[in-house]
Amino acid sequence: MHTHSPFLVSFFFSSYAFVKTVDTICLFVRGLYPLIFC
């Protein structure tokens, strides 16, 4: 992996974590309410 600035790396990982969290919440909500589509 190429060396990037710490800010860029932390931004990437926090963005990835945010997306995964939203995706998990989406799946949870869809599990509870099948009529709701994220």
Protein backbone atom coordinates (compact mmCIF):
# COMPACT_ATOMS: atom_id res chain seq x y z
CA MET A 1 0.00 0.00 0.00
CA HIS A 2 1.32 3.43 -0.89
CA THR A 3 2.05 5.87 1.88
CA HIS A 4 -0.59 8.57 2.17
CA SER A 5 -1.01 11.39 4.62
CA PRO A 6 -2.49 10.22 7.95
CA PHE A 7 -5.45 12.52 7.39
CA LEU A 8 -6.29 10.87 4.08
CA VAL A 9 -5.98 7.39 5.56
CA SER A 10 -8.15 8.19 8.57
CA PHE A 11 -10.68 9.88 6.29
CA PHE A 12 -10.82 6.77 4.11
CA PHE A 13 -11.31 4.43 7.05
CA SER A 14 -13.92 6.62 8.74
CA SER A 15 -15.79 6.89 5.43
CA TYR A 16 -15.63 3.11 5.02
CA ALA A 17 -16.83 2.56 8.59
CA PHE A 18 -19.65 5.07 8.06
CA VAL A 19 -20.80 3.33 4.89
CA LYS A 20 -20.71 -0.08 6.57
CA THR A 21 -22.67 1.28 9.54
CA VAL A 22 -25.34 2.79 7.28
CA ASP A 23 -25.51 -0.46 5.32
CA THR A 24 -25.98 -2.45 8.53
CA ILE A 25 -28.71 -0.09 9.76
CA CYS A 26 -30.36 -0.35 6.34
CA LEU A 27 -30.41 -4.14 6.54
CA PHE A 28 -31.76 -3.98 10.10
CA VAL A 29 -34.55 -1.57 9.12
CA ARG A 30 -35.42 -3.65 6.05
CA GLY A 31 -35.57 -6.71 8.31
CA LEU A 32 -38.06 -4.97 10.60
CA TYR A 33 -40.01 -3.21 7.88
CA PRO A 34 -39.90 -5.21 4.62
CA LEU A 35 -41.89 -2.51 2.80
CA ILE A 36 -39.16 0.08 3.37
CA PHE A 37 -36.37 0.03 0.80
CA CYS A 38 -33.12 1.84 1.43
